[in-house]
Amino acid sequence: MNIEQLMEKLGRSGVTVILKVDDERMTEGGEPWTLVMSGPGLGEQGFIRAESSSLSDCLEQGFTRLRARSGDWEWLTEIQ
């Protein structure tokens, strides 16, 4: 699944996704990638935030947390 399909499917599922890379944190050797998910698709459990030094790890952290929530998130295993 490509990133555009993934984001569209999340959006249709009621999830707002913000993906960010921070150049300052990158040069400092920190965790420049941040993923934040919010919206009615997450229910009353609030938002999800993940940070990592790599994009793939950041996405995996966020999607692992999303799969742990109630709802139909089994399709997220397709992107592993």
PDB file of N, CA and C in Angstrom:
ATOM      1  N   MET A   1       0.858  -1.172   0.000  1.00  0.00           N
ATOM      2  CA  MET A   1       0.000   0.000   0.000  1.00  0.00           C
ATOM      3  C   MET A   1       0.898   1.228   0.000  1.00  0.00           C
ATOM      4  N   ASN A   2       0.634   2.166  -0.887  1.00  0.00           N
ATOM      5  CA  ASN A   2       1.459   3.373  -0.892  1.00  0.00           C
ATOM      6  C   ASN A   2       0.942   4.383   0.126  1.00  0.00           C
ATOM      7  N   ILE A   3       1.733   5.376   0.394  1.00  0.00           N
ATOM      8  CA  ILE A   3       1.421   6.346   1.456  1.00  0.00           C
ATOM      9  C   ILE A   3       0.127   7.110   1.169  1.00  0.00           C
ATOM     10  N   GLU A   4      -0.139   7.432  -0.112  1.00  0.00           N
ATOM     11  CA  GLU A   4      -1.367   8.148  -0.452  1.00  0.00           C
ATOM     12  C   GLU A   4      -2.592   7.293  -0.165  1.00  0.00           C
ATOM     13  N   GLN A   5      -2.556   6.033  -0.545  1.00  0.00           N
ATOM     14  CA  GLN A   5      -3.675   5.126  -0.268  1.00  0.00           C
ATOM     15  C   GLN A   5      -3.878   4.968   1.231  1.00  0.00           C
ATOM     16  N   LEU A   6      -2.784   4.828   1.944  1.00  0.00           N
ATOM     17  CA  LEU A   6      -2.840   4.675   3.389  1.00  0.00           C
ATOM     18  C   LEU A   6      -3.497   5.879   4.050  1.00  0.00           C
ATOM     19  N   MET A   7      -3.048   7.069   3.703  1.00  0.00           N
ATOM     20  CA  MET A   7      -3.605   8.280   4.305  1.00  0.00           C
ATOM     21  C   MET A   7      -5.076   8.463   3.942  1.00  0.00           C
ATOM     22  N   GLU A   8      -5.439   8.156   2.703  1.00  0.00           N
ATOM     23  CA  GLU A   8      -6.842   8.265   2.298  1.00  0.00           C
ATOM     24  C   GLU A   8      -7.711   7.284   3.077  1.00  0.00           C
ATOM     25  N   LYS A   9      -7.219   6.067   3.265  1.00  0.00           N
ATOM     26  CA  LYS A   9      -7.997   5.069   4.002  1.00  0.00           C
ATOM     27  C   LYS A   9      -8.150   5.481   5.473  1.00  0.00           C
ATOM     28  N   LEU A  10      -7.091   6.006   6.060  1.00  0.00           N
ATOM     29  CA  LEU A  10      -7.188   6.499   7.435  1.00  0.00           C
ATOM     30  C   LEU A  10      -8.183   7.654   7.522  1.00  0.00           C
ATOM     31  N   GLY A  11      -8.110   8.583   6.569  1.00  0.00           N
ATOM     32  CA  GLY A  11      -9.041   9.710   6.553  1.00  0.00           C
ATOM     33  C   GLY A  11     -10.483   9.255   6.449  1.00  0.00           C
ATOM     34  N   ARG A  12     -10.743   8.280   5.569  1.00  0.00           N
ATOM     35  CA  ARG A  12     -12.112   7.750   5.439  1.00  0.00           C
ATOM     36  C   ARG A  12     -12.559   7.018   6.694  1.00  0.00           C
ATOM     37  N   SER A  13     -11.595   6.585   7.505  1.00  0.00           N
ATOM     38  CA  SER A  13     -11.905   5.891   8.757  1.00  0.00           C
ATOM     39  C   SER A  13     -12.074   6.859   9.921  1.00  0.00           C
ATOM     40  N   GLY A  14     -12.023   8.159   9.650  1.00  0.00           N
ATOM     41  CA  GLY A  14     -12.232   9.159  10.697  1.00  0.00           C
ATOM     42  C   GLY A  14     -10.975   9.519  11.465  1.00  0.00           C
ATOM     43  N   VAL A  15      -9.807   9.303  10.857  1.00  0.00           N
ATOM     44  CA  VAL A  15      -8.550   9.604  11.536  1.00  0.00           C
ATOM     45  C   VAL A  15      -7.839  10.739  10.795  1.00  0.00           C
ATOM     46  N   THR A  16      -7.480  11.776  11.531  1.00  0.00           N
ATOM     47  CA  THR A  16      -6.662  12.854  10.997  1.00  0.00           C
ATOM     48  C   THR A  16      -5.215  12.517  11.303  1.00  0.00           C
ATOM     49  N   VAL A  17      -4.349  12.610  10.286  1.00  0.00           N
ATOM     50  CA  VAL A  17      -2.954  12.208  10.441  1.00  0.00           C
ATOM     51  C   VAL A  17      -2.044  13.390  10.122  1.00  0.00           C
ATOM     52  N   ILE A  18      -1.100  13.628  11.014  1.00  0.00           N
ATOM     53  CA  ILE A  18      -0.052  14.617  10.768  1.00  0.00           C
ATOM     54  C   ILE A  18       1.273  13.886  10.869  1.00  0.00           C
ATOM     55  N   LEU A  19       2.070  13.991   9.813  1.00  0.00           N
ATOM     56  CA  LEU A  19       3.387  13.383   9.769  1.00  0.00           C
ATOM     57  C   LEU A  19       4.402  14.500   9.572  1.00  0.00           C
ATOM     58  N   LYS A  20       5.421  14.528  10.438  1.00  0.00           N
ATOM     59  CA  LYS A  20       6.370  15.640  10.418  1.00  0.00           C
ATOM     60  C   LYS A  20       7.793  15.114  10.525  1.00  0.00           C
ATOM     61  N   VAL A  21       8.698  15.787   9.805  1.00  0.00           N
ATOM     62  CA  VAL A  21      10.127  15.562  10.011  1.00  0.00           C
ATOM     63  C   VAL A  21      10.731  16.912  10.391  1.00  0.00           C
ATOM     64  N   ASP A  22      11.521  16.909  11.449  1.00  0.00           N
ATOM     65  CA  ASP A  22      12.071  18.139  12.013  1.00  0.00           C
ATOM     66  C   ASP A  22      13.566  18.210  11.718  1.00  0.00           C
ATOM     67  N   ASP A  23      13.957  19.174  10.920  1.00  0.00           N
ATOM     68  CA  ASP A  23      15.366  19.289  10.520  1.00  0.00           C
ATOM     69  C   ASP A  23      16.292  19.565  11.707  1.00  0.00           C
ATOM     70  N   GLU A  24      15.846  20.335  12.681  1.00  0.00           N
ATOM     71  CA  GLU A  24      16.684  20.623  13.852  1.00  0.00           C
ATOM     72  C   GLU A  24      16.955  19.354  14.649  1.00  0.00           C
ATOM     73  N   ARG A  25      15.923  18.570  14.875  1.00  0.00           N
ATOM     74  CA  ARG A  25      16.094  17.321  15.612  1.00  0.00           C
ATOM     75  C   ARG A  25      16.939  16.335  14.816  1.00  0.00           C
ATOM     76  N   MET A  26      16.867  16.418  13.484  1.00  0.00           N
ATOM     77  CA  MET A  26      17.659  15.538  12.637  1.00  0.00           C
ATOM     78  C   MET A  26      19.146  15.855  12.793  1.00  0.00           C
ATOM     79  N   THR A  27      19.497  17.143  12.777  1.00  0.00           N
ATOM     80  CA  THR A  27      20.899  17.533  12.889  1.00  0.00           C
ATOM     81  C   THR A  27      21.451  17.292  14.290  1.00  0.00           C
ATOM     82  N   GLU A  28      20.576  17.280  15.286  1.00  0.00           N
ATOM     83  CA  GLU A  28      21.000  17.038  16.669  1.00  0.00           C
ATOM     84  C   GLU A  28      21.106  15.554  16.978  1.00  0.00           C
ATOM     85  N   GLY A  29      20.755  14.698  16.006  1.00  0.00           N
ATOM     86  CA  GLY A  29      20.812  13.257  16.230  1.00  0.00           C
ATOM     87  C   GLY A  29      19.643  12.730  17.034  1.00  0.00           C
ATOM     88  N   GLY A  30      18.558  13.483  17.076  1.00  0.00           N
ATOM     89  CA  GLY A  30      17.386  13.078  17.844  1.00  0.00           C
ATOM     90  C   GLY A  30      16.415  12.235  17.041  1.00  0.00           C
ATOM     91  N   GLU A  31      15.168  12.331  17.382  1.00  0.00           N
ATOM     92  CA  GLU A  31      14.105  11.592  16.709  1.00  0.00           C
ATOM     93  C   GLU A  31      13.318  12.577  15.852  1.00  0.00           C
ATOM     94  N   PRO A  32      13.694  12.763  14.612  1.00  0.00           N
ATOM     95  CA  PRO A  32      13.084  13.803  13.793  1.00  0.00           C
ATOM     96  C   PRO A  32      11.681  13.487  13.283  1.00  0.00           C
ATOM     97  N   TRP A  33      11.298  12.227  13.260  1.00  0.00           N
ATOM     98  CA  TRP A  33       9.979  11.869  12.724  1.00  0.00           C
ATOM     99  C   TRP A  33       8.928  11.857  13.824  1.00  0.00           C
ATOM    100  N   THR A  34       7.810  12.502  13.564  1.00  0.00           N
ATOM    101  CA  THR A  34       6.688  12.530  14.497  1.00  0.00           C
ATOM    102  C   THR A  34       5.413  12.213  13.736  1.00  0.00           C
ATOM    103  N   LEU A  35       4.611  11.318  14.280  1.00  0.00           N
ATOM    104  CA  LEU A  35       3.309  10.961  13.731  1.00  0.00           C
ATOM    105  C   LEU A  35       2.268  11.248  14.800  1.00  0.00           C
ATOM    106  N   VAL A  36       1.248  12.009  14.439  1.00  0.00           N
ATOM    107  CA  VAL A  36       0.145  12.291  15.364  1.00  0.00           C
ATOM    108  C   VAL A  36      -1.144  11.921  14.664  1.00  0.00           C
ATOM    109  N   MET A  37      -1.982  11.142  15.342  1.00  0.00           N
ATOM    110  CA  MET A  37      -3.295  10.768  14.819  1.00  0.00           C
ATOM    111  C   MET A  37      -4.352  11.189  15.824  1.00  0.00           C
ATOM    112  N   SER A  38      -5.438  11.743  15.311  1.00  0.00           N
ATOM    113  CA  SER A  38      -6.551  12.168  16.151  1.00  0.00           C
ATOM    114  C   SER A  38      -7.833  12.022  15.344  1.00  0.00           C
ATOM    115  N   GLY A  39      -8.942  12.357  15.966  1.00  0.00           N
ATOM    116  CA  GLY A  39     -10.212  12.346  15.251  1.00  0.00           C
ATOM    117  C   GLY A  39     -11.195  11.338  15.793  1.00  0.00           C
ATOM    118  N   PRO A  40     -12.422  11.387  15.278  1.00  0.00           N
ATOM    119  CA  PRO A  40     -13.487  10.528  15.781  1.00  0.00           C
ATOM    120  C   PRO A  40     -13.224   9.040  15.556  1.00  0.00           C
ATOM    121  N   GLY A  41     -12.400   8.682  14.592  1.00  0.00           N
ATOM    122  CA  GLY A  41     -12.086   7.283  14.348  1.00  0.00           C
ATOM    123  C   GLY A  41     -11.336   6.620  15.483  1.00  0.00           C
ATOM    124  N   LEU A  42     -10.735   7.430  16.349  1.00  0.00           N
ATOM    125  CA  LEU A  42     -10.002   6.891  17.495  1.00  0.00           C
ATOM    126  C   LEU A  42     -10.877   6.718  18.722  1.00  0.00           C
ATOM    127  N   GLY A  43     -12.111   7.134  18.628  1.00  0.00           N
ATOM    128  CA  GLY A  43     -13.015   7.032  19.766  1.00  0.00           C
ATOM    129  C   GLY A  43     -12.651   8.015  20.850  1.00  0.00           C
ATOM    130  N   GLU A  44     -13.057   7.690  22.059  1.00  0.00           N
ATOM    131  CA  GLU A  44     -12.834   8.591  23.184  1.00  0.00           C
ATOM    132  C   GLU A  44     -11.465   8.412  23.828  1.00  0.00           C
ATOM    133  N   GLN A  45     -10.634   7.572  23.241  1.00  0.00           N
ATOM    134  CA  GLN A  45      -9.341   7.274  23.838  1.00  0.00           C
ATOM    135  C   GLN A  45      -8.305   8.349  23.551  1.00  0.00           C
ATOM    136  N   GLY A  46      -8.683   9.376  22.817  1.00  0.00           N
ATOM    137  CA  GLY A  46      -7.757  10.468  22.568  1.00  0.00           C
ATOM    138  C   GLY A  46      -6.871  10.250  21.365  1.00  0.00           C
ATOM    139  N   PHE A  47      -5.760  10.938  21.347  1.00  0.00           N
ATOM    140  CA  PHE A  47      -4.888  10.915  20.184  1.00  0.00           C
ATOM    141  C   PHE A  47      -3.753   9.908  20.367  1.00  0.00           C
ATOM    142  N   ILE A  48      -3.051   9.658  19.274  1.00  0.00           N
ATOM    143  CA  ILE A  48      -1.875   8.787  19.271  1.00  0.00           C
ATOM    144  C   ILE A  48      -0.699   9.619  18.784  1.00  0.00           C
ATOM    145  N   ARG A  49       0.430   9.487  19.468  1.00  0.00           N
ATOM    146  CA  ARG A  49       1.642  10.190  19.061  1.00  0.00           C
ATOM    147  C   ARG A  49       2.802   9.204  19.088  1.00  0.00           C
ATOM    148  N   ALA A  50       3.609   9.242  18.039  1.00  0.00           N
ATOM    149  CA  ALA A  50       4.802   8.390  17.978  1.00  0.00           C
ATOM    150  C   ALA A  50       5.957   9.237  17.466  1.00  0.00           C
ATOM    151  N   GLU A  51       7.150   8.968  17.978  1.00  0.00           N
ATOM    152  CA  GLU A  51       8.360   9.665  17.542  1.00  0.00           C
ATOM    153  C   GLU A  51       9.462   8.640  17.347  1.00  0.00           C
ATOM    154  N   SER A  52      10.283   8.856  16.317  1.00  0.00           N
ATOM    155  CA  SER A  52      11.370   7.923  16.065  1.00  0.00           C
ATOM    156  C   SER A  52      12.444   8.559  15.196  1.00  0.00           C
ATOM    157  N   SER A  53      13.566   7.847  15.089  1.00  0.00           N
ATOM    158  CA  SER A  53      14.657   8.313  14.241  1.00  0.00           C
ATOM    159  C   SER A  53      14.466   7.903  12.784  1.00  0.00           C
ATOM    160  N   SER A  54      13.525   6.982  12.514  1.00  0.00           N
ATOM    161  CA  SER A  54      13.261   6.580  11.132  1.00  0.00           C
ATOM    162  C   SER A  54      11.766   6.657  10.838  1.00  0.00           C
ATOM    163  N   LEU A  55      11.438   6.928   9.605  1.00  0.00           N
ATOM    164  CA  LEU A  55      10.034   7.016   9.191  1.00  0.00           C
ATOM    165  C   LEU A  55       9.337   5.684   9.383  1.00  0.00           C
ATOM    166  N   SER A  56       9.945   4.595   8.944  1.00  0.00           N
ATOM    167  CA  SER A  56       9.277   3.297   9.035  1.00  0.00           C
ATOM    168  C   SER A  56       8.995   2.913  10.481  1.00  0.00           C
ATOM    169  N   ASP A  57       9.938   3.166  11.382  1.00  0.00           N
ATOM    170  CA  ASP A  57       9.722   2.850  12.792  1.00  0.00           C
ATOM    171  C   ASP A  57       8.637   3.736  13.394  1.00  0.00           C
ATOM    172  N   CYS A  58       8.626   4.989  13.021  1.00  0.00           N
ATOM    173  CA  CYS A  58       7.623   5.923  13.526  1.00  0.00           C
ATOM    174  C   CYS A  58       6.221   5.466  13.111  1.00  0.00           C
ATOM    175  N   LEU A  59       6.067   5.105  11.830  1.00  0.00           N
ATOM    176  CA  LEU A  59       4.774   4.621  11.343  1.00  0.00           C
ATOM    177  C   LEU A  59       4.384   3.328  12.044  1.00  0.00           C
ATOM    178  N   GLU A  60       5.315   2.416  12.197  1.00  0.00           N
ATOM    179  CA  GLU A  60       5.012   1.145  12.849  1.00  0.00           C
ATOM    180  C   GLU A  60       4.581   1.357  14.300  1.00  0.00           C
ATOM    181  N   GLN A  61       5.257   2.249  15.021  1.00  0.00           N
ATOM    182  CA  GLN A  61       4.861   2.553  16.400  1.00  0.00           C
ATOM    183  C   GLN A  61       3.420   3.067  16.448  1.00  0.00           C
ATOM    184  N   GLY A  62       3.129   4.041  15.579  1.00  0.00           N
ATOM    185  CA  GLY A  62       1.791   4.626  15.561  1.00  0.00           C
ATOM    186  C   GLY A  62       0.725   3.621  15.189  1.00  0.00           C
ATOM    187  N   PHE A  63       0.993   2.800  14.166  1.00  0.00           N
ATOM    188  CA  PHE A  63      -0.010   1.835  13.719  1.00  0.00           C
ATOM    189  C   PHE A  63      -0.185   0.687  14.701  1.00  0.00           C
ATOM    190  N   THR A  64       0.877   0.330  15.414  1.00  0.00           N
ATOM    191  CA  THR A  64       0.757  -0.682  16.469  1.00  0.00           C
ATOM    192  C   THR A  64      -0.188  -0.171  17.550  1.00  0.00           C
ATOM    193  N   ARG A  65      -0.044   1.086  17.914  1.00  0.00           N
ATOM    194  CA  ARG A  65      -0.936   1.683  18.928  1.00  0.00           C
ATOM    195  C   ARG A  65      -2.364   1.777  18.410  1.00  0.00           C
ATOM    196  N   LEU A  66      -2.516   2.098  17.126  1.00  0.00           N
ATOM    197  CA  LEU A  66      -3.861   2.187  16.546  1.00  0.00           C
ATOM    198  C   LEU A  66      -4.512   0.808  16.490  1.00  0.00           C
ATOM    199  N   ARG A  67      -3.764  -0.230  16.124  1.00  0.00           N
ATOM    200  CA  ARG A  67      -4.328  -1.588  16.082  1.00  0.00           C
ATOM    201  C   ARG A  67      -4.767  -2.051  17.464  1.00  0.00           C
ATOM    202  N   ALA A  68      -4.142  -1.526  18.519  1.00  0.00           N
ATOM    203  CA  ALA A  68      -4.504  -1.903  19.888  1.00  0.00           C
ATOM    204  C   ALA A  68      -5.814  -1.258  20.335  1.00  0.00           C
ATOM    205  N   ARG A  69      -6.277  -0.256  19.596  1.00  0.00           N
ATOM    206  CA  ARG A  69      -7.533   0.428  19.935  1.00  0.00           C
ATOM    207  C   ARG A  69      -8.720  -0.379  19.442  1.00  0.00           C
ATOM    208  N   SER A  70      -9.880  -0.068  20.009  1.00  0.00           N
ATOM    209  CA  SER A  70     -11.097  -0.713  19.512  1.00  0.00           C
ATOM    210  C   SER A  70     -11.406  -0.174  18.117  1.00  0.00           C
ATOM    211  N   GLY A  71     -12.022  -0.990  17.325  1.00  0.00           N
ATOM    212  CA  GLY A  71     -12.356  -0.602  15.965  1.00  0.00           C
ATOM    213  C   GLY A  71     -11.784  -1.580  14.958  1.00  0.00           C
ATOM    214  N   ASP A  72     -12.075  -1.331  13.712  1.00  0.00           N
ATOM    215  CA  ASP A  72     -11.667  -2.214  12.630  1.00  0.00           C
ATOM    216  C   ASP A  72     -10.336  -1.747  12.053  1.00  0.00           C
ATOM    217  N   TRP A  73      -9.239  -2.122  12.705  1.00  0.00           N
ATOM    218  CA  TRP A  73      -7.909  -1.688  12.262  1.00  0.00           C
ATOM    219  C   TRP A  73      -7.060  -2.841  11.748  1.00  0.00           C
ATOM    220  N   GLU A  74      -7.662  -4.022  11.574  1.00  0.00           N
ATOM    221  CA  GLU A  74      -6.901  -5.184  11.109  1.00  0.00           C
ATOM    222  C   GLU A  74      -6.259  -4.936   9.753  1.00  0.00           C
ATOM    223  N   TRP A  75      -6.873  -4.104   8.928  1.00  0.00           N
ATOM    224  CA  TRP A  75      -6.321  -3.831   7.596  1.00  0.00           C
ATOM    225  C   TRP A  75      -4.944  -3.168   7.672  1.00  0.00           C
ATOM    226  N   LEU A  76      -4.605  -2.598   8.813  1.00  0.00           N
ATOM    227  CA  LEU A  76      -3.287  -1.978   8.959  1.00  0.00           C
ATOM    228  C   LEU A  76      -2.159  -3.004   8.895  1.00  0.00           C
ATOM    229  N   THR A  77      -2.461  -4.280   9.091  1.00  0.00           N
ATOM    230  CA  THR A  77      -1.419  -5.299   8.978  1.00  0.00           C
ATOM    231  C   THR A  77      -0.942  -5.412   7.528  1.00  0.00           C
ATOM    232  N   GLU A  78      -1.748  -4.929   6.573  1.00  0.00           N
ATOM    233  CA  GLU A  78      -1.369  -4.967   5.165  1.00  0.00           C
ATOM    234  C   GLU A  78      -0.111  -4.154   4.877  1.00  0.00           C
ATOM    235  N   ILE A  79       0.202  -3.172   5.698  1.00  0.00           N
ATOM    236  CA  ILE A  79       1.304  -2.263   5.391  1.00  0.00           C
ATOM    237  C   ILE A  79       2.630  -2.697   6.012  1.00  0.00           C
ATOM    238  N   GLN A  80       2.626  -3.746   6.793  1.00  0.00           N
ATOM    239  CA  GLN A  80       3.863  -4.175   7.438  1.00  0.00           C
ATOM    240  C   GLN A  80       4.852  -4.702   6.440  1.00  0.00           C
TER     241      GLN A  80
END
